[in-house]
């Protein structure tokens, strides 16, 4: 399998923050309130179940990534061990996922900047953000890794501080009139721990799972990791643990500080639980602080997105699934053409977000979530096919193994089927679930058209 001659200079701390940057962001600070609305305090169980299942999926990916550390990761593995068609669909779906994801994130940056600069148009900040992130990704991978590390550290420190301060407020009863009924009992005294029934835990799993999408980007760093055998397993184990602590810890504190049915399901920067908590201990400028954290979180996610999408296009080009010039590297082993191609597409998306109805753009964003779930399914099935290429001796020599193979794979596939079904019950995701098969059909048609063109060119050449 082609190792692509990329520069292996990413360290464990870099790849951990690349994955954290792509998965823990604005969703925690604002969108988590929607998940609380679905299941109340029992949403903690939804996160715990999802976190465990995603860990099993990442172990499957890690097994292949340590054995074959290439930047194309799951797309390259699907191409090698399943079929070129699946590799093609997986690669372009992941590129699509990050392309539209970054479009939405950079628009969010512009919205947050209006907190301080109300007269500056949103598109100016969105454009400036995209240009900055493109330049960062064009320098070299080590510089990109350092930037991502420090940007992600901002939100990591903020989340940890929030959890510690929240626990202090609860245990020490250090609260003024801004907090009412502050106690751990808020988790079970407002309609019980399952205020909307046990089924609500399952219904919340769909939206909760989508918040973990981005963790698989740890696999895309394999081709540029300094010591993949050592650092990839460490990163996979730590990243999932950190993500679960951040989500479960934060929501545990929030629902102890505030009765779950009093939490605004559509919070803004100024009235989110994070802001109210910091304000209550004397940080009157908490709205500005959290706004800054949201901006850095968003830029961190965008940075991971530009990296991931460019590496995926680079891999597709090496597989003849994209124009070959997109696979070229510069003297610093950076895929410049692939990076510029991805960011130009993201730039087009900035215009789409303004000229098309909000519903249409939200549909595309919802399809990004479905693309992530699809890619997790591909990872699980590809690993099953990968194992079939090995004899028992080769399996025993694997440097990093998945857990409970193959039972865990089938359990995770069943779990992902539940995710898709629960998304059908969510108005925000239903249309995306129904529309995603159309996207797959488009890619299948495109693949065979491209294949037919190549065959015709070969016949002419002969």
Foldseek 3Di string as FASTA:
>chain_A
DDLLPFAQDDELLLLLLLLCLQQDAPCQQFQVLLLCVLWPLLLLVLLVVLLVLVLLLLLLQLLVCLVPVHLLRLLVLCCVQPHPLSSLLLLVLLLLLLLLVLLVLLLVLLVLCCVPVVVDHSVVSSVVLLVVLLVQLPPGVVSLSVLSSVLSVLLLVLLVVLLVLLVCCAVVVLFDPLFDQQYLCLCQDPCGVGNPDPVSSLLSNQVSNLSSQSNSSSSSCRSRHNNSLPSSVVSSVVSSVSVSCSRSSNVSSLSNRHNSVPADSGDDLCDTSSQSSVVRVPPVCSSVSVSVSNSSSSSSSSSSSLSSSLSSQLVCLVVVNHPVLQVDADPSSRSSNSSVVSSVSSSVSNVCCVPPDVLVSLLSNLLSSVSSLVSSLSSLVSSVSVVVVDDPVVVVPRSRHRPPPPVSSVVSVVSSVSSLVSLCVPPSNNVSSVCNVVVSVVSSVVVVVSVVVVVVVVVVVD
